[in-house]
C-alpha atoms as a PDB file:
ATOM      1  CA  MET A   1       0.000   0.000   0.000  1.00  0.00           C
ATOM      2  CA  SER A   2       1.127   3.574  -0.604  1.00  0.00           C
ATOM      3  CA  THR A   3       1.960   5.826   2.306  1.00  0.00           C
ATOM      4  CA  PRO A   4      -1.167   7.889   3.095  1.00  0.00           C
ATOM      5  CA  LYS A   5      -1.186  11.149   1.165  1.00  0.00           C
ATOM      6  CA  ASN A   6      -3.095  14.400   1.385  1.00  0.00           C
ATOM      7  CA  THR A   7      -4.170  16.754  -1.368  1.00  0.00           C
ATOM      8  CA  THR A   8      -1.190  19.054  -0.875  1.00  0.00           C
ATOM      9  CA  THR A   9       1.538  16.433  -1.320  1.00  0.00           C
ATOM     10  CA  LEU A  10       0.485  14.149  -4.154  1.00  0.00           C
ATOM     11  CA  ALA A  11       3.085  11.588  -5.181  1.00  0.00           C
ATOM     12  CA  THR A  12       4.028  10.899  -8.798  1.00  0.00           C
ATOM     13  CA  ARG A  13       5.215   7.318  -8.670  1.00  0.00           C
ATOM     14  CA  LYS A  14       2.268   5.420 -10.114  1.00  0.00           C
ATOM     15  CA  ALA A  15      -0.972   6.340 -11.871  1.00  0.00           C
ATOM     16  CA  VAL A  16      -3.678   3.815 -12.699  1.00  0.00           C
ATOM     17  CA  VAL A  17      -6.104   4.359 -15.577  1.00  0.00           C
ATOM     18  CA  LEU A  18      -9.273   2.272 -15.428  1.00  0.00           C
ATOM     19  CA  GLY A  19     -10.279   1.764 -19.042  1.00  0.00           C
ATOM     20  CA  SER A  20      -8.102   0.753 -21.995  1.00  0.00           C
ATOM     21  CA  GLY A  21     -10.021   2.467 -24.784  1.00  0.00           C
ATOM     22  CA  SER A  22      -8.861   5.456 -26.818  1.00  0.00           C
ATOM     23  CA  TRP A  23      -9.410   8.121 -24.156  1.00  0.00           C
ATOM     24  CA  GLY A  24      -7.925   6.086 -21.329  1.00  0.00           C
ATOM     25  CA  THR A  25      -4.845   5.412 -23.449  1.00  0.00           C
ATOM     26  CA  ALA A  26      -4.549   9.071 -24.489  1.00  0.00           C
ATOM     27  CA  LEU A  27      -4.737  10.207 -20.861  1.00  0.00           C
ATOM     28  CA  ALA A  28      -2.054   7.670 -19.982  1.00  0.00           C
ATOM     29  CA  ILE A  29       0.177   9.329 -22.588  1.00  0.00           C
ATOM     30  CA  VAL A  30      -0.454  12.740 -21.006  1.00  0.00           C
ATOM     31  CA  LEU A  31       0.374  11.421 -17.531  1.00  0.00           C
ATOM     32  CA  SER A  32       3.469   9.576 -18.729  1.00  0.00           C
ATOM     33  CA  LYS A  33       5.361  12.866 -18.641  1.00  0.00           C
ATOM     34  CA  HIS A  34       4.759  13.223 -14.897  1.00  0.00           C
ATOM     35  CA  PHE A  35       4.612   9.690 -13.445  1.00  0.00           C
ATOM     36  CA  ASP A  36       7.202   6.945 -13.251  1.00  0.00           C
ATOM     37  CA  GLU A  37       4.649   4.268 -14.117  1.00  0.00           C
ATOM     38  CA  ILE A  38       1.171   4.325 -15.631  1.00  0.00           C
ATOM     39  CA  VAL A  39      -0.899   1.143 -15.622  1.00  0.00           C
ATOM     40  CA  VAL A  40      -3.834   0.989 -18.044  1.00  0.00           C
ATOM     41  CA  LEU A  41      -6.381  -1.551 -16.808  1.00  0.00           C
ATOM     42  CA  GLY A  42      -9.045  -3.051 -19.051  1.00  0.00           C
ATOM     43  CA  ARG A  43     -10.941  -6.278 -19.595  1.00  0.00           C
ATOM     44  CA  SER A  44      -9.004  -7.430 -22.651  1.00  0.00           C
ATOM     45  CA  GLU A  45      -5.951  -9.585 -22.023  1.00  0.00           C
ATOM     46  CA  GLU A  46      -5.064  -9.127 -25.688  1.00  0.00           C
ATOM     47  CA  THR A  47      -4.996  -5.330 -25.375  1.00  0.00           C
ATOM     48  CA  ALA A  48      -2.903  -5.510 -22.206  1.00  0.00           C
ATOM     49  CA  GLU A  49      -0.440  -7.838 -23.897  1.00  0.00           C
ATOM     50  CA  GLU A  50      -0.172  -5.562 -26.915  1.00  0.00           C
ATOM     51  CA  ILE A  51       0.537  -2.542 -24.717  1.00  0.00           C
ATOM     52  CA  ASN A  52       3.243  -4.449 -22.864  1.00  0.00           C
ATOM     53  CA  THR A  53       4.960  -6.034 -25.826  1.00  0.00           C
ATOM     54  CA  SER A  54       4.418  -3.653 -28.755  1.00  0.00           C
ATOM     55  CA  HIS A  55       3.716  -0.390 -26.892  1.00  0.00           C
ATOM     56  CA  THR A  56       0.614   0.140 -29.016  1.00  0.00           C
ATOM     57  CA  ASN A  57      -3.165  -0.047 -28.663  1.00  0.00           C
ATOM     58  CA  SER A  58      -3.982  -0.509 -32.317  1.00  0.00           C
ATOM     59  CA  ARG A  59      -7.699  -1.151 -31.909  1.00  0.00           C
ATOM     60  CA  TYR A  60      -8.282   2.368 -30.623  1.00  0.00           C
ATOM     61  CA  LEU A  61      -5.244   4.463 -31.561  1.00  0.00           C
ATOM     62  CA  LYS A  62      -3.715   3.312 -34.813  1.00  0.00           C
ATOM     63  CA  GLU A  63      -0.098   4.253 -35.529  1.00  0.00           C
ATOM     64  CA  VAL A  64       0.473   5.692 -32.032  1.00  0.00           C
ATOM     65  CA  THR A  65       3.499   4.410 -30.135  1.00  0.00           C
ATOM     66  CA  LEU A  66       3.054   4.517 -26.354  1.00  0.00           C
ATOM     67  CA  PRO A  67       5.791   5.673 -23.968  1.00  0.00           C
ATOM     68  CA  GLU A  68       7.665   2.783 -22.373  1.00  0.00           C
ATOM     69  CA  ASN A  69       6.477   3.680 -18.851  1.00  0.00           C
ATOM     70  CA  ILE A  70       2.884   2.771 -19.811  1.00  0.00           C
ATOM     71  CA  TYR A  71       1.879  -0.806 -19.005  1.00  0.00           C
ATOM     72  CA  GLY A  72      -1.289  -2.802 -19.629  1.00  0.00           C
ATOM     73  CA  GLY A  73      -3.167  -5.055 -17.230  1.00  0.00           C
ATOM     74  CA  THR A  74      -6.509  -6.539 -16.232  1.00  0.00           C
ATOM     75  CA  ASP A  75      -6.141  -6.951 -12.458  1.00  0.00           C
ATOM     76  CA  LEU A  76      -7.908  -4.214 -10.494  1.00  0.00           C
ATOM     77  CA  ALA A  77      -5.605  -4.934  -7.542  1.00  0.00           C
ATOM     78  CA  GLU A  78      -3.010  -2.827  -9.398  1.00  0.00           C
ATOM     79  CA  ALA A  79      -4.942   0.193  -8.124  1.00  0.00           C
ATOM     80  CA  GLN A  80      -4.225  -0.557  -4.464  1.00  0.00           C
ATOM     81  CA  ASP A  81      -0.905   1.279  -4.429  1.00  0.00           C
ATOM     82  CA  ALA A  82      -1.668   3.944  -7.037  1.00  0.00           C
ATOM     83  CA  ASP A  83      -0.956   7.592  -6.347  1.00  0.00           C
ATOM     84  CA  ILE A  84      -3.951   8.637  -8.458  1.00  0.00           C
ATOM     85  CA  ILE A  85      -6.725   6.616 -10.127  1.00  0.00           C
ATOM     86  CA  LEU A  86      -8.560   7.685 -13.279  1.00  0.00           C
ATOM     87  CA  PHE A  87     -12.014   6.332 -14.157  1.00  0.00           C
ATOM     88  CA  VAL A  88     -12.211   6.128 -17.944  1.00  0.00           C
ATOM     89  CA  VAL A  89     -14.753   3.317 -18.225  1.00  0.00           C
ATOM     90  CA  PRO A  90     -18.141   3.790 -19.935  1.00  0.00           C
ATOM     91  CA  THR A  91     -20.695   5.542 -17.733  1.00  0.00           C
ATOM     92  CA  SER A  92     -22.759   2.356 -17.570  1.00  0.00           C
ATOM     93  CA  ALA A  93     -19.794   0.551 -15.981  1.00  0.00           C
ATOM     94  CA  THR A  94     -18.772   3.215 -13.464  1.00  0.00           C
ATOM     95  CA  ARG A  95     -20.858   1.964 -10.526  1.00  0.00           C
ATOM     96  CA  GLU A  96     -19.736  -1.647 -10.980  1.00  0.00           C
ATOM     97  CA  THR A  97     -16.097  -0.584 -11.270  1.00  0.00           C
ATOM     98  CA  VAL A  98     -16.074   1.655  -8.205  1.00  0.00           C
ATOM     99  CA  ASN A  99     -17.844  -1.009  -6.142  1.00  0.00           C
ATOM    100  CA  LYS A 100     -15.140  -3.518  -7.057  1.00  0.00           C
ATOM    101  CA  LEU A 101     -12.486  -0.965  -6.192  1.00  0.00           C
ATOM    102  CA  ALA A 102     -14.079  -0.409  -2.802  1.00  0.00           C
ATOM    103  CA  GLU A 103     -14.079  -4.172  -2.156  1.00  0.00           C
ATOM    104  CA  ILE A 104     -10.388  -4.429  -2.990  1.00  0.00           C
ATOM    105  CA  GLY A 105      -9.566  -1.472  -0.777  1.00  0.00           C
ATOM    106  CA  ILE A 106      -7.469   1.618  -1.512  1.00  0.00           C
ATOM    107  CA  PRO A 107      -6.066   4.320   0.784  1.00  0.00           C
ATOM    108  CA  GLU A 108      -8.640   6.988   1.589  1.00  0.00           C
ATOM    109  CA  SER A 109      -6.155   9.654   0.528  1.00  0.00           C
ATOM    110  CA  THR A 110      -5.850   8.405  -3.078  1.00  0.00           C
ATOM    111  CA  PRO A 111      -7.408  10.963  -5.467  1.00  0.00           C
ATOM    112  CA  LEU A 112     -10.041   9.566  -7.831  1.00  0.00           C
ATOM    113  CA  ILE A 113     -10.542  11.355 -11.155  1.00  0.00           C
ATOM    114  CA  SER A 114     -13.565  10.737 -13.370  1.00  0.00           C
ATOM    115  CA  SER A 115     -13.408  11.416 -17.100  1.00  0.00           C
ATOM    116  CA  ALA A 116     -16.613   9.649 -18.169  1.00  0.00           C
ATOM    117  CA  LYS A 117     -19.225  11.958 -19.672  1.00  0.00           C
ATOM    118  CA  GLY A 118     -22.711  10.820 -18.826  1.00  0.00           C
ATOM    119  CA  ILE A 119     -25.637  10.481 -16.441  1.00  0.00           C
ATOM    120  CA  GLU A 120     -26.687   7.190 -14.883  1.00  0.00           C
ATOM    121  CA  ARG A 121     -30.059   5.958 -16.045  1.00  0.00           C
ATOM    122  CA  GLY A 122     -32.729   5.648 -13.382  1.00  0.00           C
ATOM    123  CA  THR A 123     -30.873   7.515 -10.646  1.00  0.00           C
ATOM    124  CA  GLY A 124     -29.897  10.577 -12.689  1.00  0.00           C
ATOM    125  CA  GLU A 125     -26.573  10.563 -10.832  1.00  0.00           C
ATOM    126  CA  ARG A 126     -23.406  12.189 -12.113  1.00  0.00           C
ATOM    127  CA  MET A 127     -20.277  10.016 -12.194  1.00  0.00           C
ATOM    128  CA  SER A 128     -18.518  11.833  -9.331  1.00  0.00           C
ATOM    129  CA  ASN A 129     -21.529  11.193  -7.100  1.00  0.00           C
ATOM    130  CA  ILE A 130     -21.482   7.492  -7.950  1.00  0.00           C
ATOM    131  CA  ILE A 131     -17.785   7.278  -7.078  1.00  0.00           C
ATOM    132  CA  ASN A 132     -18.341   9.194  -3.848  1.00  0.00           C
ATOM    133  CA  GLN A 133     -21.124   6.857  -2.740  1.00  0.00           C
ATOM    134  CA  SER A 134     -18.787   3.848  -2.657  1.00  0.00           C
ATOM    135  CA  LEU A 135     -15.583   5.656  -1.657  1.00  0.00           C
ATOM    136  CA  PRO A 136     -16.851   8.624   0.376  1.00  0.00           C
ATOM    137  CA  ASN A 137     -13.553   9.528   2.032  1.00  0.00           C
ATOM    138  CA  ASN A 138     -11.382   9.775  -1.077  1.00  0.00           C
ATOM    139  CA  PRO A 139     -10.661  13.121  -2.782  1.00  0.00           C
ATOM    140  CA  ILE A 140     -12.611  13.311  -6.042  1.00  0.00           C
ATOM    141  CA  ALA A 141     -12.003  15.329  -9.200  1.00  0.00           C
ATOM    142  CA  ILE A 142     -13.113  15.282 -12.835  1.00  0.00           C
ATOM    143  CA  ILE A 143     -11.463  16.149 -16.129  1.00  0.00           C
ATOM    144  CA  SER A 144     -13.487  17.421 -19.077  1.00  0.00           C
ATOM    145  CA  GLY A 145     -13.289  19.614 -22.141  1.00  0.00           C
ATOM    146  CA  PRO A 146     -12.865  19.511 -25.939  1.00  0.00           C
ATOM    147  CA  THR A 147     -10.470  16.589 -25.998  1.00  0.00           C
ATOM    148  CA  HIS A 148     -10.594  14.015 -28.771  1.00  0.00           C
ATOM    149  CA  ALA A 149      -8.295  11.125 -27.914  1.00  0.00           C
ATOM    150  CA  GLU A 150      -6.985  10.870 -31.460  1.00  0.00           C
ATOM    151  CA  GLU A 151      -5.547  14.399 -31.265  1.00  0.00           C
ATOM    152  CA  VAL A 152      -4.352  14.247 -27.656  1.00  0.00           C
ATOM    153  CA  ALA A 153      -2.472  11.010 -28.328  1.00  0.00           C
ATOM    154  CA  ILE A 154      -0.350  12.565 -31.075  1.00  0.00           C
ATOM    155  CA  GLY A 155       0.309  15.773 -29.185  1.00  0.00           C
ATOM    156  CA  LEU A 156      -1.952  18.236 -30.987  1.00  0.00           C
ATOM    157  CA  ALA A 157      -2.756  21.317 -28.914  1.00  0.00           C
ATOM    158  CA  THR A 158      -5.614  20.823 -26.457  1.00  0.00           C
ATOM    159  CA  CYS A 159      -7.160  22.743 -23.575  1.00  0.00           C
ATOM    160  CA  THR A 160      -9.099  21.049 -20.799  1.00  0.00           C
ATOM    161  CA  VAL A 161     -10.395  21.575 -17.257  1.00  0.00           C
ATOM    162  CA  VAL A 162      -9.766  19.716 -13.998  1.00  0.00           C
ATOM    163  CA  GLY A 163     -12.606  20.236 -11.551  1.00  0.00           C
ATOM    164  CA  SER A 164     -12.967  19.564  -7.847  1.00  0.00           C
ATOM    165  CA  VAL A 165     -14.752  21.147  -4.899  1.00  0.00           C
ATOM    166  CA  ASP A 166     -11.312  20.922  -3.271  1.00  0.00           C
ATOM    167  CA  LYS A 167      -9.525  23.846  -4.907  1.00  0.00           C
ATOM    168  CA  GLN A 168      -6.085  22.676  -3.768  1.00  0.00           C
ATOM    169  CA  LEU A 169      -6.632  19.202  -5.204  1.00  0.00           C
ATOM    170  CA  ALA A 170      -7.638  20.682  -8.564  1.00  0.00           C
ATOM    171  CA  GLN A 171      -4.524  22.856  -8.606  1.00  0.00           C
ATOM    172  CA  ASN A 172      -2.260  19.906  -7.769  1.00  0.00           C
ATOM    173  CA  LEU A 173      -3.815  17.688 -10.420  1.00  0.00           C
ATOM    174  CA  GLN A 174      -3.562  20.550 -12.892  1.00  0.00           C
ATOM    175  CA  GLN A 175       0.221  20.105 -12.810  1.00  0.00           C
ATOM    176  CA  TYR A 176      -0.025  16.416 -13.763  1.00  0.00           C
ATOM    177  CA  PHE A 177      -2.351  17.061 -16.693  1.00  0.00           C
ATOM    178  CA  SER A 178      -0.315  19.945 -18.101  1.00  0.00           C
ATOM    179  CA  SER A 179       2.226  20.008 -20.894  1.00  0.00           C
ATOM    180  CA  PRO A 180       3.156  22.376 -23.738  1.00  0.00           C
ATOM    181  CA  THR A 181       0.387  20.800 -25.858  1.00  0.00           C
ATOM    182  CA  PHE A 182      -2.140  19.994 -23.104  1.00  0.00           C
ATOM    183  CA  ARG A 183      -3.131  23.192 -21.298  1.00  0.00           C
ATOM    184  CA  THR A 184      -5.223  22.587 -18.186  1.00  0.00           C
ATOM    185  CA  TYR A 185      -7.468  25.000 -16.292  1.00  0.00           C
ATOM    186  CA  THR A 186      -9.247  24.427 -12.963  1.00  0.00           C
ATOM    187  CA  SER A 187     -12.823  24.792 -11.766  1.00  0.00           C
ATOM    188  CA  GLN A 188     -14.831  24.106  -8.620  1.00  0.00           C
ATOM    189  CA  ASP A 189     -18.122  23.708 -10.506  1.00  0.00           C
ATOM    190  CA  VAL A 190     -18.081  19.928 -10.700  1.00  0.00           C
ATOM    191  CA  ALA A 191     -21.814  19.716 -11.425  1.00  0.00           C
ATOM    192  CA  GLY A 192     -21.648  22.121 -14.353  1.00  0.00           C
ATOM    193  CA  MET A 193     -18.622  20.414 -15.859  1.00  0.00           C
ATOM    194  CA  GLU A 194     -20.141  16.945 -15.659  1.00  0.00           C
ATOM    195  CA  LEU A 195     -23.509  18.068 -16.977  1.00  0.00           C
ATOM    196  CA  GLY A 196     -21.929  19.891 -19.909  1.00  0.00           C
ATOM    197  CA  GLY A 197     -19.913  16.809 -20.788  1.00  0.00           C
ATOM    198  CA  ALA A 198     -22.967  14.575 -20.674  1.00  0.00           C
ATOM    199  CA  LEU A 199     -25.430  16.849 -22.473  1.00  0.00           C
ATOM    200  CA  LYS A 200     -23.159  17.708 -25.400  1.00  0.00           C
ATOM    201  CA  ASN A 201     -23.227  14.058 -26.504  1.00  0.00           C
ATOM    202  CA  VAL A 202     -26.946  14.270 -27.243  1.00  0.00           C
ATOM    203  CA  PHE A 203     -26.554  17.451 -29.281  1.00  0.00           C
ATOM    204  CA  ALA A 204     -23.694  15.851 -31.206  1.00  0.00           C
ATOM    205  CA  ILE A 205     -26.071  13.112 -32.322  1.00  0.00           C
ATOM    206  CA  ALA A 206     -28.537  15.797 -33.438  1.00  0.00           C
ATOM    207  CA  ALA A 207     -25.811  17.629 -35.372  1.00  0.00           C
ATOM    208  CA  GLY A 208     -24.760  14.372 -37.001  1.00  0.00           C
ATOM    209  CA  ILE A 209     -28.343  13.630 -38.026  1.00  0.00           C
ATOM    210  CA  ALA A 210     -28.616  17.090 -39.581  1.00  0.00           C
ATOM    211  CA  ALA A 211     -25.378  16.542 -41.509  1.00  0.00           C
ATOM    212  CA  GLY A 212     -26.473  13.084 -42.616  1.00  0.00           C
ATOM    213  CA  ILE A 213     -29.753  14.446 -43.933  1.00  0.00           C
ATOM    214  CA  GLY A 214     -27.856  17.199 -45.758  1.00  0.00           C
ATOM    215  CA  LEU A 215     -29.372  20.230 -44.046  1.00  0.00           C
ATOM    216  CA  GLY A 216     -26.202  22.303 -44.433  1.00  0.00           C
ATOM    217  CA  ASP A 217     -23.984  24.511 -42.270  1.00  0.00           C
ATOM    218  CA  ASN A 218     -26.649  27.105 -41.476  1.00  0.00           C
ATOM    219  CA  ALA A 219     -29.018  24.578 -39.949  1.00  0.00           C
ATOM    220  CA  ILE A 220     -26.250  22.814 -38.020  1.00  0.00           C
ATOM    221  CA  ALA A 221     -24.960  26.133 -36.624  1.00  0.00           C
ATOM    222  CA  ALA A 222     -28.488  26.999 -35.476  1.00  0.00           C
ATOM    223  CA  LEU A 223     -28.888  23.553 -33.955  1.00  0.00           C
ATOM    224  CA  VAL A 224     -25.613  23.810 -32.015  1.00  0.00           C
ATOM    225  CA  THR A 225     -26.462  27.314 -30.811  1.00  0.00           C
ATOM    226  CA  ARG A 226     -29.896  26.281 -29.588  1.00  0.00           C
ATOM    227  CA  GLY A 227     -28.262  23.186 -28.090  1.00  0.00           C
ATOM    228  CA  LEU A 228     -26.082  25.448 -25.955  1.00  0.00           C
ATOM    229  CA  THR A 229     -29.202  27.275 -24.759  1.00  0.00           C
ATOM    230  CA  GLU A 230     -30.831  23.963 -23.907  1.00  0.00           C
ATOM    231  CA  MET A 231     -27.657  22.699 -22.193  1.00  0.00           C
ATOM    232  CA  THR A 232     -27.485  25.819 -20.034  1.00  0.00           C
ATOM    233  CA  ARG A 233     -31.184  25.726 -19.151  1.00  0.00           C
ATOM    234  CA  LEU A 234     -31.140  22.088 -18.051  1.00  0.00           C
ATOM    235  CA  GLY A 235     -27.628  22.228 -16.598  1.00  0.00           C
ATOM    236  CA  THR A 236     -28.329  25.182 -14.325  1.00  0.00           C
ATOM    237  CA  ALA A 237     -31.594  23.583 -13.166  1.00  0.00           C
ATOM    238  CA  LEU A 238     -29.496  20.588 -12.076  1.00  0.00           C
ATOM    239  CA  GLY A 239     -26.975  22.647 -10.131  1.00  0.00           C
ATOM    240  CA  GLY A 240     -24.393  23.860 -12.647  1.00  0.00           C
ATOM    241  CA  GLN A 241     -23.197  27.469 -12.889  1.00  0.00           C
ATOM    242  CA  PRO A 242     -24.162  29.353 -16.094  1.00  0.00           C
ATOM    243  CA  GLU A 243     -20.595  30.514 -16.779  1.00  0.00           C
ATOM    244  CA  THR A 244     -19.357  26.914 -16.836  1.00  0.00           C
ATOM    245  CA  PHE A 245     -21.465  26.196 -19.901  1.00  0.00           C
ATOM    246  CA  MET A 246     -19.767  29.132 -21.647  1.00  0.00           C
ATOM    247  CA  GLY A 247     -16.346  27.554 -21.046  1.00  0.00           C
ATOM    248  CA  LEU A 248     -14.237  24.646 -22.241  1.00  0.00           C
ATOM    249  CA  SER A 249     -16.359  21.925 -20.621  1.00  0.00           C
ATOM    250  CA  GLY A 250     -19.522  23.505 -22.061  1.00  0.00           C
ATOM    251  CA  ILE A 251     -19.471  25.265 -25.409  1.00  0.00           C
ATOM    252  CA  GLY A 252     -15.903  24.139 -26.104  1.00  0.00           C
ATOM    253  CA  ASP A 253     -16.764  20.467 -25.800  1.00  0.00           C
ATOM    254  CA  LEU A 254     -20.068  21.039 -27.584  1.00  0.00           C
ATOM    255  CA  MET A 255     -18.438  22.543 -30.681  1.00  0.00           C
ATOM    256  CA  THR A 256     -15.756  19.890 -30.930  1.00  0.00           C
ATOM    257  CA  THR A 257     -18.211  17.035 -30.564  1.00  0.00           C
ATOM    258  CA  CYS A 258     -20.792  18.470 -32.948  1.00  0.00           C
ATOM    259  CA  TYR A 259     -18.369  19.212 -35.790  1.00  0.00           C
ATOM    260  CA  SER A 260     -15.472  16.758 -35.602  1.00  0.00           C
ATOM    261  CA  PRO A 261     -15.247  13.522 -37.615  1.00  0.00           C
ATOM    262  CA  HIS A 262     -13.546  12.031 -34.533  1.00  0.00           C
ATOM    263  CA  SER A 263     -16.820  12.355 -32.582  1.00  0.00           C
ATOM    264  CA  ARG A 264     -18.451   8.980 -32.075  1.00  0.00           C
ATOM    265  CA  ASN A 265     -21.813  10.558 -31.294  1.00  0.00           C
ATOM    266  CA  ASN A 266     -21.689  12.734 -34.392  1.00  0.00           C
ATOM    267  CA  ARG A 267     -20.861   9.705 -36.518  1.00  0.00           C
ATOM    268  CA  VAL A 268     -23.789   7.738 -35.089  1.00  0.00           C
ATOM    269  CA  GLY A 269     -26.087  10.679 -35.799  1.00  0.00           C
ATOM    270  CA  MET A 270     -24.796  11.006 -39.354  1.00  0.00           C
ATOM    271  CA  ALA A 271     -25.451   7.322 -39.991  1.00  0.00           C
ATOM    272  CA  LEU A 272     -29.004   7.747 -38.679  1.00  0.00           C
ATOM    273  CA  GLY A 273     -29.508  10.758 -40.930  1.00  0.00           C
ATOM    274  CA  GLN A 274     -28.356   8.674 -43.888  1.00  0.00           C
ATOM    275  CA  GLY A 275     -31.022   6.079 -43.167  1.00  0.00           C
ATOM    276  CA  LEU A 276     -29.303   3.445 -41.039  1.00  0.00           C
ATOM    277  CA  SER A 277     -31.060   1.972 -38.020  1.00  0.00           C
ATOM    278  CA  LEU A 278     -29.680   2.661 -34.556  1.00  0.00           C
ATOM    279  CA  GLN A 279     -28.278  -0.857 -34.342  1.00  0.00           C
ATOM    280  CA  GLU A 280     -26.644  -0.537 -37.750  1.00  0.00           C
ATOM    281  CA  ALA A 281     -25.171   2.850 -36.812  1.00  0.00           C
ATOM    282  CA  CYS A 282     -23.688   1.504 -33.567  1.00  0.00           C
ATOM    283  CA  ASP A 283     -22.376  -1.630 -35.270  1.00  0.00           C
ATOM    284  CA  GLN A 284     -20.722   0.491 -37.952  1.00  0.00           C
ATOM    285  CA  LEU A 285     -19.036   2.614 -35.267  1.00  0.00           C
ATOM    286  CA  GLY A 286     -17.666  -0.416 -33.408  1.00  0.00           C
ATOM    287  CA  MET A 287     -17.149   1.567 -30.172  1.00  0.00           C
ATOM    288  CA  VAL A 288     -19.286   3.023 -27.402  1.00  0.00           C
ATOM    289  CA  ALA A 289     -21.085   6.269 -28.258  1.00  0.00           C
ATOM    290  CA  GLU A 290     -22.074   7.581 -24.827  1.00  0.00           C
ATOM    291  CA  GLY A 291     -24.774   9.809 -26.284  1.00  0.00           C
ATOM    292  CA  VAL A 292     -26.955   6.828 -27.175  1.00  0.00           C
ATOM    293  CA  PRO A 293     -27.648   5.537 -23.646  1.00  0.00           C
ATOM    294  CA  ASN A 294     -27.303   9.036 -22.213  1.00  0.00           C
ATOM    295  CA  THR A 295     -30.081  10.401 -24.410  1.00  0.00           C
ATOM    296  CA  LEU A 296     -32.413   8.047 -22.552  1.00  0.00           C
ATOM    297  CA  SER A 297     -31.148   8.927 -19.065  1.00  0.00           C
ATOM    298  CA  ILE A 298     -31.061  12.679 -19.774  1.00  0.00           C
ATOM    299  CA  TYR A 299     -34.522  12.632 -21.360  1.00  0.00           C
ATOM    300  CA  GLU A 300     -35.908  10.892 -18.273  1.00  0.00           C
ATOM    301  CA  LEU A 301     -34.147  13.369 -15.972  1.00  0.00           C
ATOM    302  CA  ALA A 302     -35.468  16.388 -17.889  1.00  0.00           C
ATOM    303  CA  ARG A 303     -39.000  15.040 -17.708  1.00  0.00           C
ATOM    304  CA  LYS A 304     -38.642  14.448 -13.984  1.00  0.00           C
ATOM    305  CA  ILE A 305     -37.826  18.107 -13.317  1.00  0.00           C
ATOM    306  CA  ASN A 306     -40.067  19.432 -16.123  1.00  0.00           C
ATOM    307  CA  ILE A 307     -37.471  21.357 -18.139  1.00  0.00           C
ATOM    308  CA  ASP A 308     -38.172  22.180 -21.799  1.00  0.00           C
ATOM    309  CA  THR A 309     -35.666  20.259 -23.966  1.00  0.00           C
ATOM    310  CA  PRO A 310     -36.909  20.136 -27.569  1.00  0.00           C
ATOM    311  CA  ILE A 311     -33.632  18.964 -29.142  1.00  0.00           C
ATOM    312  CA  ILE A 312     -33.089  16.242 -26.545  1.00  0.00           C
ATOM    313  CA  ASP A 313     -36.712  15.184 -27.041  1.00  0.00           C
ATOM    314  CA  ALA A 314     -36.224  14.983 -30.809  1.00  0.00           C
ATOM    315  CA  VAL A 315     -33.098  12.825 -30.508  1.00  0.00           C
ATOM    316  CA  TYR A 316     -34.874  10.591 -27.990  1.00  0.00           C
ATOM    317  CA  LYS A 317     -37.743  10.032 -30.422  1.00  0.00           C
ATOM    318  CA  VAL A 318     -35.330   9.081 -33.210  1.00  0.00           C
ATOM    319  CA  LEU A 319     -33.349   6.686 -31.025  1.00  0.00           C
ATOM    320  CA  TYR A 320     -36.083   5.123 -28.921  1.00  0.00           C
ATOM    321  CA  GLU A 321     -39.402   5.693 -30.699  1.00  0.00           C
ATOM    322  CA  ASP A 322     -38.177   5.009 -34.268  1.00  0.00           C
ATOM    323  CA  LYS A 323     -39.245   8.437 -35.471  1.00  0.00           C
ATOM    324  CA  PRO A 324     -37.742   9.212 -38.899  1.00  0.00           C
ATOM    325  CA  ALA A 325     -34.770  11.522 -38.511  1.00  0.00           C
ATOM    326  CA  LEU A 326     -35.939  13.984 -41.167  1.00  0.00           C
ATOM    327  CA  GLU A 327     -39.365  14.235 -39.561  1.00  0.00           C
ATOM    328  CA  ALA A 328     -37.874  14.824 -36.104  1.00  0.00           C
ATOM    329  CA  LEU A 329     -35.677  17.693 -37.300  1.00  0.00           C
ATOM    330  CA  SER A 330     -38.466  19.148 -39.426  1.00  0.00           C
ATOM    331  CA  ASP A 331     -40.645  19.290 -36.314  1.00  0.00           C
ATOM    332  CA  LEU A 332     -37.900  21.267 -34.557  1.00  0.00           C
ATOM    333  CA  LEU A 333     -37.718  23.803 -37.380  1.00  0.00           C
ATOM    334  CA  THR A 334     -41.486  24.280 -37.512  1.00  0.00           C
ATOM    335  CA  ARG A 335     -42.120  24.828 -33.801  1.00  0.00           C
ATOM    336  CA  ASP A 336     -44.150  27.916 -32.896  1.00  0.00           C
ATOM    337  CA  PRO A 337     -42.179  31.167 -33.362  1.00  0.00           C
ATOM    338  CA  LYS A 338     -40.718  32.695 -30.190  1.00  0.00           C
ATOM    339  CA  ALA A 339     -38.167  35.235 -29.010  1.00  0.00           C
ATOM    340  CA  GLU A 340     -34.595  34.018 -28.836  1.00  0.00           C
END
């Protein structure tokens, strides 16, 4: 076990990343500049072996060579002596993963950082709350922003935000997530950051649908702009600060996800707009698009607190009520006129 630590004297010996997909691997690359050892834990023995022998993760990041201080594994016990632990598993797996981590046992002083962008279905819980429920005494932070793994992994310039209610923890972690090409800011609005990261996935599907249908740049720009309004309205009702949605983890992430070909959610939406079924679109992607399950959980949450969310509603109807994509977007454009 590691010597107990506090948030003012974080060690840099070992970082553990839970999740061996593209974003988990990209974050491991970022941390490799600051830690002696980074262990990327996933479910695939094959991926772990590839990381250890070839220093690649070709399924998710083609033609990227990993630093030699990054190792692969599948045994969650590796996290017992970590100096920091990152949760980069799908949102649907966060509760199961943190429960297993609690059973194994880790020092209460080990910081836990969530990077998953989503809301749990049924409970409406944010990921940091889920982690806190099982490990209530550990310091908790999140990282969010316009950060496509494909660009981060090859060192293209990126800005992001580390958030925690513990200002000192956020500032300490900021150092470990900073480099000349990975500029990191801090925030104490954890709720706003997490909600922005979750909500933007739904709007990215909508933008992809619009592109797939062929509506053009004007319509997509309007859709993204109104998506920001909807994000802010729902996000503030759920506890986020309005200014957070105007920042990197709000509008920054929204723009990147709605316009980039790297965006999984945008690609699923585009396939839907081109006439594929949801199953066909997801199969074609071959990876998790968090916006698909999160549309359902966010739709349910918005209905529970009675917030007007026309774009979220439209995406929900396409995904879960088999409404034709063109009809859903046409309904949005022909809603009753109103002031902006």
